[in-house]
């Protein structure tokens, strides 16, 4: 909540209300499978990363783990496309 000075000495109160519990159920139903797929891919990539025979670019598995976990969806995509040496 903040106050702004409008012209002619008027004070206008500005209030922004975010209610996350009022999300459309259809939207939640559409996004839930995408979130589960994203989570499953993160788990798959972490398990794949720590296989003993797995080689990664740069040789540092800790860096790739941080990329997978902290970059979000792009992290596991980059790992699958560019991080693994086969």
PDB file of N, CA and C in Angstrom:
ATOM      1  N   UNK A   1       0.852  -1.162   0.000  1.00  0.00           N
ATOM      2  CA  UNK A   1       0.000   0.000   0.000  1.00  0.00           C
ATOM      3  C   UNK A   1       0.901   1.229   0.000  1.00  0.00           C
ATOM      4  N   UNK A   2       0.603   2.187  -0.836  1.00  0.00           N
ATOM      5  CA  UNK A   2       1.406   3.394  -0.906  1.00  0.00           C
ATOM      6  C   UNK A   2       0.522   4.594  -1.162  1.00  0.00           C
ATOM      7  N   UNK A   3       1.089   5.738  -0.993  1.00  0.00           N
ATOM      8  CA  UNK A   3       0.340   6.967  -1.241  1.00  0.00           C
ATOM      9  C   UNK A   3       1.071   7.757  -2.314  1.00  0.00           C
ATOM     10  N   UNK A   4       0.301   8.332  -3.209  1.00  0.00           N
ATOM     11  CA  UNK A   4       0.858   9.170  -4.253  1.00  0.00           C
ATOM     12  C   UNK A   4       0.182  10.528  -4.194  1.00  0.00           C
ATOM     13  N   UNK A   5       0.952  11.508  -4.532  1.00  0.00           N
ATOM     14  CA  UNK A   5       0.392  12.859  -4.594  1.00  0.00           C
ATOM     15  C   UNK A   5      -0.132  13.085  -5.996  1.00  0.00           C
ATOM     16  N   UNK A   6      -1.402  13.335  -6.092  1.00  0.00           N
ATOM     17  CA  UNK A   6      -1.995  13.686  -7.371  1.00  0.00           C
ATOM     18  C   UNK A   6      -2.018  15.210  -7.472  1.00  0.00           C
ATOM     19  N   UNK A   7      -2.458  15.710  -8.588  1.00  0.00           N
ATOM     20  CA  UNK A   7      -2.517  17.163  -8.772  1.00  0.00           C
ATOM     21  C   UNK A   7      -3.470  17.813  -7.791  1.00  0.00           C
ATOM     22  N   UNK A   8      -3.355  19.117  -7.589  1.00  0.00           N
ATOM     23  CA  UNK A   8      -4.218  19.951  -6.762  1.00  0.00           C
ATOM     24  C   UNK A   8      -4.230  19.545  -5.292  1.00  0.00           C
ATOM     25  N   UNK A   9      -3.130  18.968  -4.812  1.00  0.00           N
ATOM     26  CA  UNK A   9      -3.036  18.642  -3.404  1.00  0.00           C
ATOM     27  C   UNK A   9      -3.828  17.422  -2.963  1.00  0.00           C
ATOM     28  N   UNK A  10      -4.305  16.611  -3.917  1.00  0.00           N
ATOM     29  CA  UNK A  10      -5.054  15.411  -3.566  1.00  0.00           C
ATOM     30  C   UNK A  10      -4.096  14.264  -3.270  1.00  0.00           C
ATOM     31  N   UNK A  11      -4.457  13.421  -2.344  1.00  0.00           N
ATOM     32  CA  UNK A  11      -3.685  12.222  -2.040  1.00  0.00           C
ATOM     33  C   UNK A  11      -4.508  11.018  -2.469  1.00  0.00           C
ATOM     34  N   UNK A  12      -3.886  10.162  -3.264  1.00  0.00           N
ATOM     35  CA  UNK A  12      -4.564   8.971  -3.778  1.00  0.00           C
ATOM     36  C   UNK A  12      -3.916   7.749  -3.148  1.00  0.00           C
ATOM     37  N   UNK A  13      -4.730   6.866  -2.626  1.00  0.00           N
ATOM     38  CA  UNK A  13      -4.227   5.637  -2.022  1.00  0.00           C
ATOM     39  C   UNK A  13      -4.214   4.539  -3.082  1.00  0.00           C
ATOM     40  N   UNK A  14      -3.038   3.894  -3.255  1.00  0.00           N
ATOM     41  CA  UNK A  14      -2.883   2.821  -4.237  1.00  0.00           C
ATOM     42  C   UNK A  14      -2.648   1.531  -3.465  1.00  0.00           C
ATOM     43  N   UNK A  15      -3.446   0.510  -3.766  1.00  0.00           N
ATOM     44  CA  UNK A  15      -3.324  -0.763  -3.070  1.00  0.00           C
ATOM     45  C   UNK A  15      -3.374  -1.890  -4.097  1.00  0.00           C
ATOM     46  N   UNK A  16      -2.391  -2.772  -4.037  1.00  0.00           N
ATOM     47  CA  UNK A  16      -2.340  -3.920  -4.929  1.00  0.00           C
ATOM     48  C   UNK A  16      -2.571  -5.172  -4.091  1.00  0.00           C
ATOM     49  N   UNK A  17      -3.559  -5.949  -4.469  1.00  0.00           N
ATOM     50  CA  UNK A  17      -3.902  -7.154  -3.724  1.00  0.00           C
ATOM     51  C   UNK A  17      -3.699  -8.356  -4.646  1.00  0.00           C
ATOM     52  N   UNK A  18      -2.878  -9.289  -4.194  1.00  0.00           N
ATOM     53  CA  UNK A  18      -2.652 -10.517  -4.946  1.00  0.00           C
ATOM     54  C   UNK A  18      -3.225 -11.663  -4.122  1.00  0.00           C
ATOM     55  N   UNK A  19      -4.149 -12.400  -4.714  1.00  0.00           N
ATOM     56  CA  UNK A  19      -4.774 -13.517  -4.023  1.00  0.00           C
ATOM     57  C   UNK A  19      -4.493 -14.803  -4.789  1.00  0.00           C
ATOM     58  N   UNK A  20      -3.433 -15.517  -4.424  1.00  0.00           N
ATOM     59  CA  UNK A  20      -3.072 -16.717  -5.182  1.00  0.00           C
ATOM     60  C   UNK A  20      -4.109 -17.834  -5.076  1.00  0.00           C
ATOM     61  N   UNK A  21      -4.962 -17.803  -4.096  1.00  0.00           N
ATOM     62  CA  UNK A  21      -5.976 -18.852  -3.943  1.00  0.00           C
ATOM     63  C   UNK A  21      -7.154 -18.650  -4.888  1.00  0.00           C
ATOM     64  N   UNK A  22      -7.196 -17.569  -5.629  1.00  0.00           N
ATOM     65  CA  UNK A  22      -8.268 -17.312  -6.577  1.00  0.00           C
ATOM     66  C   UNK A  22      -7.857 -17.633  -8.017  1.00  0.00           C
ATOM     67  N   UNK A  23      -6.968 -18.597  -8.184  1.00  0.00           N
ATOM     68  CA  UNK A  23      -6.520 -18.989  -9.515  1.00  0.00           C
ATOM     69  C   UNK A  23      -7.571 -19.909 -10.135  1.00  0.00           C
ATOM     70  N   UNK A  24      -7.797 -19.726 -11.408  1.00  0.00           N
ATOM     71  CA  UNK A  24      -8.774 -20.519 -12.140  1.00  0.00           C
ATOM     72  C   UNK A  24      -8.417 -22.014 -12.058  1.00  0.00           C
ATOM     73  N   UNK A  25      -9.315 -22.879 -11.629  1.00  0.00           N
ATOM     74  CA  UNK A  25      -9.022 -24.315 -11.529  1.00  0.00           C
ATOM     75  C   UNK A  25      -8.639 -24.947 -12.866  1.00  0.00           C
ATOM     76  N   UNK A  26      -9.188 -24.445 -13.949  1.00  0.00           N
ATOM     77  CA  UNK A  26      -8.827 -24.963 -15.270  1.00  0.00           C
ATOM     78  C   UNK A  26      -7.366 -24.668 -15.588  1.00  0.00           C
ATOM     79  N   UNK A  27      -6.903 -23.494 -15.199  1.00  0.00           N
ATOM     80  CA  UNK A  27      -5.500 -23.143 -15.396  1.00  0.00           C
ATOM     81  C   UNK A  27      -4.606 -24.044 -14.556  1.00  0.00           C
ATOM     82  N   UNK A  28      -4.989 -24.291 -13.311  1.00  0.00           N
ATOM     83  CA  UNK A  28      -4.206 -25.193 -12.458  1.00  0.00           C
ATOM     84  C   UNK A  28      -4.168 -26.602 -13.036  1.00  0.00           C
ATOM     85  N   UNK A  29      -5.293 -27.072 -13.561  1.00  0.00           N
ATOM     86  CA  UNK A  29      -5.345 -28.408 -14.158  1.00  0.00           C
ATOM     87  C   UNK A  29      -4.457 -28.490 -15.387  1.00  0.00           C
ATOM     88  N   UNK A  30      -4.331 -27.401 -16.119  1.00  0.00           N
ATOM     89  CA  UNK A  30      -3.492 -27.388 -17.309  1.00  0.00           C
ATOM     90  C   UNK A  30      -2.008 -27.308 -16.946  1.00  0.00           C
ATOM     91  N   UNK A  31      -1.670 -26.585 -15.885  1.00  0.00           N
ATOM     92  CA  UNK A  31      -0.268 -26.401 -15.509  1.00  0.00           C
ATOM     93  C   UNK A  31       0.293 -27.536 -14.661  1.00  0.00           C
ATOM     94  N   UNK A  32      -0.535 -28.249 -13.943  1.00  0.00           N
ATOM     95  CA  UNK A  32      -0.059 -29.315 -13.054  1.00  0.00           C
ATOM     96  C   UNK A  32       0.765 -30.373 -13.788  1.00  0.00           C
ATOM     97  N   UNK A  33       0.328 -30.889 -14.947  1.00  0.00           N
ATOM     98  CA  UNK A  33       1.163 -31.877 -15.641  1.00  0.00           C
ATOM     99  C   UNK A  33       2.509 -31.305 -16.090  1.00  0.00           C
ATOM    100  N   UNK A  34       2.529 -30.045 -16.469  1.00  0.00           N
ATOM    101  CA  UNK A  34       3.796 -29.439 -16.884  1.00  0.00           C
ATOM    102  C   UNK A  34       4.762 -29.314 -15.714  1.00  0.00           C
ATOM    103  N   UNK A  35       4.248 -28.955 -14.566  1.00  0.00           N
ATOM    104  CA  UNK A  35       5.088 -28.853 -13.368  1.00  0.00           C
ATOM    105  C   UNK A  35       5.616 -30.231 -12.976  1.00  0.00           C
ATOM    106  N   UNK A  36       4.772 -31.259 -13.058  1.00  0.00           N
ATOM    107  CA  UNK A  36       5.211 -32.620 -12.719  1.00  0.00           C
ATOM    108  C   UNK A  36       6.249 -33.132 -13.708  1.00  0.00           C
ATOM    109  N   UNK A  37       6.079 -32.830 -14.985  1.00  0.00           N
ATOM    110  CA  UNK A  37       7.070 -33.234 -15.992  1.00  0.00           C
ATOM    111  C   UNK A  37       8.395 -32.536 -15.721  1.00  0.00           C
ATOM    112  N   UNK A  38       8.347 -31.256 -15.394  1.00  0.00           N
ATOM    113  CA  UNK A  38       9.564 -30.502 -15.093  1.00  0.00           C
ATOM    114  C   UNK A  38      10.277 -31.102 -13.886  1.00  0.00           C
ATOM    115  N   UNK A  39       9.537 -31.412 -12.840  1.00  0.00           N
ATOM    116  CA  UNK A  39      10.132 -32.014 -11.645  1.00  0.00           C
ATOM    117  C   UNK A  39      10.718 -33.388 -11.950  1.00  0.00           C
ATOM    118  N   UNK A  40      10.000 -34.180 -12.744  1.00  0.00           N
ATOM    119  CA  UNK A  40      10.507 -35.507 -13.116  1.00  0.00           C
ATOM    120  C   UNK A  40      11.800 -35.401 -13.917  1.00  0.00           C
ATOM    121  N   UNK A  41      11.888 -34.427 -14.799  1.00  0.00           N
ATOM    122  CA  UNK A  41      13.109 -34.260 -15.597  1.00  0.00           C
ATOM    123  C   UNK A  41      14.285 -33.815 -14.736  1.00  0.00           C
ATOM    124  N   UNK A  42      14.031 -32.985 -13.738  1.00  0.00           N
ATOM    125  CA  UNK A  42      15.098 -32.581 -12.820  1.00  0.00           C
ATOM    126  C   UNK A  42      15.622 -33.810 -12.071  1.00  0.00           C
ATOM    127  N   UNK A  43      14.714 -34.640 -11.560  1.00  0.00           N
ATOM    128  CA  UNK A  43      15.124 -35.853 -10.843  1.00  0.00           C
ATOM    129  C   UNK A  43      15.901 -36.786 -11.776  1.00  0.00           C
ATOM    130  N   UNK A  44      15.402 -36.978 -13.000  1.00  0.00           N
ATOM    131  CA  UNK A  44      16.092 -37.835 -13.970  1.00  0.00           C
ATOM    132  C   UNK A  44      17.513 -37.325 -14.244  1.00  0.00           C
ATOM    133  N   UNK A  45      17.650 -36.020 -14.443  1.00  0.00           N
ATOM    134  CA  UNK A  45      18.960 -35.458 -14.767  1.00  0.00           C
ATOM    135  C   UNK A  45      19.942 -35.574 -13.604  1.00  0.00           C
ATOM    136  N   UNK A  46      19.457 -35.381 -12.378  1.00  0.00           N
ATOM    137  CA  UNK A  46      20.342 -35.519 -11.218  1.00  0.00           C
ATOM    138  C   UNK A  46      20.793 -36.965 -11.072  1.00  0.00           C
ATOM    139  N   UNK A  47      19.878 -37.917 -11.254  1.00  0.00           N
ATOM    140  CA  UNK A  47      20.255 -39.335 -11.180  1.00  0.00           C
ATOM    141  C   UNK A  47      21.236 -39.675 -12.300  1.00  0.00           C
ATOM    142  N   UNK A  48      20.971 -39.193 -13.506  1.00  0.00           N
ATOM    143  CA  UNK A  48      21.862 -39.435 -14.641  1.00  0.00           C
ATOM    144  C   UNK A  48      23.232 -38.810 -14.409  1.00  0.00           C
ATOM    145  N   UNK A  49      23.261 -37.624 -13.835  1.00  0.00           N
ATOM    146  CA  UNK A  49      24.518 -36.919 -13.590  1.00  0.00           C
ATOM    147  C   UNK A  49      25.433 -37.713 -12.674  1.00  0.00           C
ATOM    148  N   UNK A  50      24.874 -38.364 -11.666  1.00  0.00           N
ATOM    149  CA  UNK A  50      25.715 -39.044 -10.685  1.00  0.00           C
ATOM    150  C   UNK A  50      25.906 -40.530 -10.943  1.00  0.00           C
ATOM    151  N   UNK A  51      25.601 -40.981 -12.157  1.00  0.00           N
ATOM    152  CA  UNK A  51      26.001 -42.331 -12.533  1.00  0.00           C
ATOM    153  C   UNK A  51      27.514 -42.352 -12.632  1.00  0.00           C
ATOM    154  N   UNK A  52      28.143 -43.422 -12.140  1.00  0.00           N
ATOM    155  CA  UNK A  52      29.620 -43.458 -12.148  1.00  0.00           C
ATOM    156  C   UNK A  52      30.223 -43.355 -13.553  1.00  0.00           C
ATOM    157  N   UNK A  53      29.547 -43.903 -14.544  1.00  0.00           N
ATOM    158  CA  UNK A  53      30.108 -43.883 -15.896  1.00  0.00           C
ATOM    159  C   UNK A  53      29.831 -42.587 -16.655  1.00  0.00           C
ATOM    160  N   UNK A  54      29.045 -41.686 -16.091  1.00  0.00           N
ATOM    161  CA  UNK A  54      28.667 -40.448 -16.776  1.00  0.00           C
ATOM    162  C   UNK A  54      29.819 -39.456 -16.796  1.00  0.00           C
ATOM    163  N   UNK A  55      30.144 -38.951 -17.968  1.00  0.00           N
ATOM    164  CA  UNK A  55      31.142 -37.896 -18.144  1.00  0.00           C
ATOM    165  C   UNK A  55      30.403 -36.628 -18.566  1.00  0.00           C
ATOM    166  N   UNK A  56      30.839 -35.487 -18.036  1.00  0.00           N
ATOM    167  CA  UNK A  56      30.194 -34.216 -18.354  1.00  0.00           C
ATOM    168  C   UNK A  56      31.230 -33.234 -18.903  1.00  0.00           C
ATOM    169  N   UNK A  57      30.742 -32.286 -19.680  1.00  0.00           N
ATOM    170  CA  UNK A  57      31.634 -31.247 -20.217  1.00  0.00           C
ATOM    171  C   UNK A  57      32.200 -30.432 -19.062  1.00  0.00           C
ATOM    172  N   UNK A  58      33.470 -30.202 -19.106  1.00  0.00           N
ATOM    173  CA  UNK A  58      34.138 -29.467 -18.041  1.00  0.00           C
ATOM    174  C   UNK A  58      34.575 -30.357 -16.899  1.00  0.00           C
ATOM    175  N   UNK A  59      34.032 -31.559 -16.818  1.00  0.00           N
ATOM    176  CA  UNK A  59      34.441 -32.522 -15.812  1.00  0.00           C
ATOM    177  C   UNK A  59      33.957 -32.238 -14.393  1.00  0.00           C
ATOM    178  N   UNK A  60      33.207 -31.179 -14.178  1.00  0.00           N
ATOM    179  CA  UNK A  60      32.788 -30.831 -12.828  1.00  0.00           C
ATOM    180  C   UNK A  60      31.287 -31.095 -12.661  1.00  0.00           C
ATOM    181  N   UNK A  61      30.973 -32.192 -12.006  1.00  0.00           N
ATOM    182  CA  UNK A  61      29.569 -32.562 -11.815  1.00  0.00           C
ATOM    183  C   UNK A  61      28.842 -31.618 -10.867  1.00  0.00           C
ATOM    184  N   UNK A  62      29.546 -31.018  -9.927  1.00  0.00           N
ATOM    185  CA  UNK A  62      28.902 -30.085  -8.994  1.00  0.00           C
ATOM    186  C   UNK A  62      28.357 -28.863  -9.737  1.00  0.00           C
ATOM    187  N   UNK A  63      29.120 -28.353 -10.683  1.00  0.00           N
ATOM    188  CA  UNK A  63      28.653 -27.204 -11.467  1.00  0.00           C
ATOM    189  C   UNK A  63      27.395 -27.577 -12.239  1.00  0.00           C
ATOM    190  N   UNK A  64      27.384 -28.764 -12.849  1.00  0.00           N
ATOM    191  CA  UNK A  64      26.200 -29.189 -13.605  1.00  0.00           C
ATOM    192  C   UNK A  64      25.008 -29.425 -12.681  1.00  0.00           C
ATOM    193  N   UNK A  65      25.256 -29.908 -11.480  1.00  0.00           N
ATOM    194  CA  UNK A  65      24.171 -30.067 -10.516  1.00  0.00           C
ATOM    195  C   UNK A  65      23.540 -28.711 -10.194  1.00  0.00           C
ATOM    196  N   UNK A  66      24.371 -27.700  -9.990  1.00  0.00           N
ATOM    197  CA  UNK A  66      23.850 -26.362  -9.711  1.00  0.00           C
ATOM    198  C   UNK A  66      23.083 -25.804 -10.902  1.00  0.00           C
ATOM    199  N   UNK A  67      23.566 -26.069 -12.115  1.00  0.00           N
ATOM    200  CA  UNK A  67      22.852 -25.624 -13.317  1.00  0.00           C
ATOM    201  C   UNK A  67      21.475 -26.279 -13.366  1.00  0.00           C
ATOM    202  N   UNK A  68      21.428 -27.584 -13.149  1.00  0.00           N
ATOM    203  CA  UNK A  68      20.152 -28.315 -13.204  1.00  0.00           C
ATOM    204  C   UNK A  68      19.173 -27.798 -12.155  1.00  0.00           C
ATOM    205  N   UNK A  69      19.663 -27.581 -10.937  1.00  0.00           N
ATOM    206  CA  UNK A  69      18.770 -27.222  -9.830  1.00  0.00           C
ATOM    207  C   UNK A  69      18.401 -25.745  -9.787  1.00  0.00           C
ATOM    208  N   UNK A  70      19.316 -24.869 -10.187  1.00  0.00           N
ATOM    209  CA  UNK A  70      19.090 -23.444  -9.971  1.00  0.00           C
ATOM    210  C   UNK A  70      18.619 -22.677 -11.203  1.00  0.00           C
ATOM    211  N   UNK A  71      18.835 -23.217 -12.396  1.00  0.00           N
ATOM    212  CA  UNK A  71      18.459 -22.477 -13.593  1.00  0.00           C
ATOM    213  C   UNK A  71      17.016 -22.754 -13.986  1.00  0.00           C
ATOM    214  N   UNK A  72      16.419 -23.766 -13.414  1.00  0.00           N
ATOM    215  CA  UNK A  72      15.028 -24.069 -13.729  1.00  0.00           C
ATOM    216  C   UNK A  72      14.921 -24.982 -14.936  1.00  0.00           C
ATOM    217  N   UNK A  73      13.863 -24.816 -15.689  1.00  0.00           N
ATOM    218  CA  UNK A  73      13.606 -25.692 -16.832  1.00  0.00           C
ATOM    219  C   UNK A  73      14.757 -25.651 -17.831  1.00  0.00           C
ATOM    220  N   UNK A  74      15.311 -24.494 -18.070  1.00  0.00           N
ATOM    221  CA  UNK A  74      16.438 -24.397 -19.013  1.00  0.00           C
ATOM    222  C   UNK A  74      17.657 -25.158 -18.508  1.00  0.00           C
ATOM    223  N   UNK A  75      17.804 -25.293 -17.205  1.00  0.00           N
ATOM    224  CA  UNK A  75      18.964 -25.989 -16.646  1.00  0.00           C
ATOM    225  C   UNK A  75      19.035 -27.439 -17.079  1.00  0.00           C
ATOM    226  N   UNK A  76      17.933 -28.169 -16.935  1.00  0.00           N
ATOM    227  CA  UNK A  76      17.982 -29.579 -17.324  1.00  0.00           C
ATOM    228  C   UNK A  76      18.001 -29.738 -18.834  1.00  0.00           C
ATOM    229  N   UNK A  77      17.415 -28.793 -19.568  1.00  0.00           N
ATOM    230  CA  UNK A  77      17.480 -28.869 -21.031  1.00  0.00           C
ATOM    231  C   UNK A  77      18.910 -28.667 -21.498  1.00  0.00           C
ATOM    232  N   UNK A  78      19.604 -27.689 -20.946  1.00  0.00           N
ATOM    233  CA  UNK A  78      21.009 -27.443 -21.319  1.00  0.00           C
ATOM    234  C   UNK A  78      21.862 -28.654 -20.939  1.00  0.00           C
ATOM    235  N   UNK A  79      21.619 -29.232 -19.780  1.00  0.00           N
ATOM    236  CA  UNK A  79      22.373 -30.413 -19.382  1.00  0.00           C
ATOM    237  C   UNK A  79      22.182 -31.551 -20.373  1.00  0.00           C
ATOM    238  N   UNK A  80      20.949 -31.826 -20.766  1.00  0.00           N
ATOM    239  CA  UNK A  80      20.691 -32.934 -21.687  1.00  0.00           C
ATOM    240  C   UNK A  80      21.277 -32.670 -23.073  1.00  0.00           C
ATOM    241  N   UNK A  81      21.224 -31.430 -23.529  1.00  0.00           N
ATOM    242  CA  UNK A  81      21.700 -31.117 -24.875  1.00  0.00           C
ATOM    243  C   UNK A  81      23.205 -30.870 -24.963  1.00  0.00           C
ATOM    244  N   UNK A  82      23.782 -30.259 -23.935  1.00  0.00           N
ATOM    245  CA  UNK A  82      25.185 -29.850 -24.046  1.00  0.00           C
ATOM    246  C   UNK A  82      26.082 -30.366 -22.934  1.00  0.00           C
ATOM    247  N   UNK A  83      25.528 -30.783 -21.819  1.00  0.00           N
ATOM    248  CA  UNK A  83      26.343 -31.132 -20.664  1.00  0.00           C
ATOM    249  C   UNK A  83      26.936 -32.522 -20.666  1.00  0.00           C
ATOM    250  N   UNK A  84      26.256 -33.452 -21.304  1.00  0.00           N
ATOM    251  CA  UNK A  84      26.704 -34.834 -21.260  1.00  0.00           C
ATOM    252  C   UNK A  84      27.683 -35.122 -22.395  1.00  0.00           C
ATOM    253  N   UNK A  85      28.712 -35.873 -22.074  1.00  0.00           N
ATOM    254  CA  UNK A  85      29.643 -36.364 -23.105  1.00  0.00           C
ATOM    255  C   UNK A  85      29.339 -37.827 -23.319  1.00  0.00           C
ATOM    256  N   UNK A  86      29.052 -38.179 -24.536  1.00  0.00           N
ATOM    257  CA  UNK A  86      28.688 -39.577 -24.810  1.00  0.00           C
ATOM    258  C   UNK A  86      29.707 -40.252 -25.668  1.00  0.00           C
TER     259      UNK A  86
END
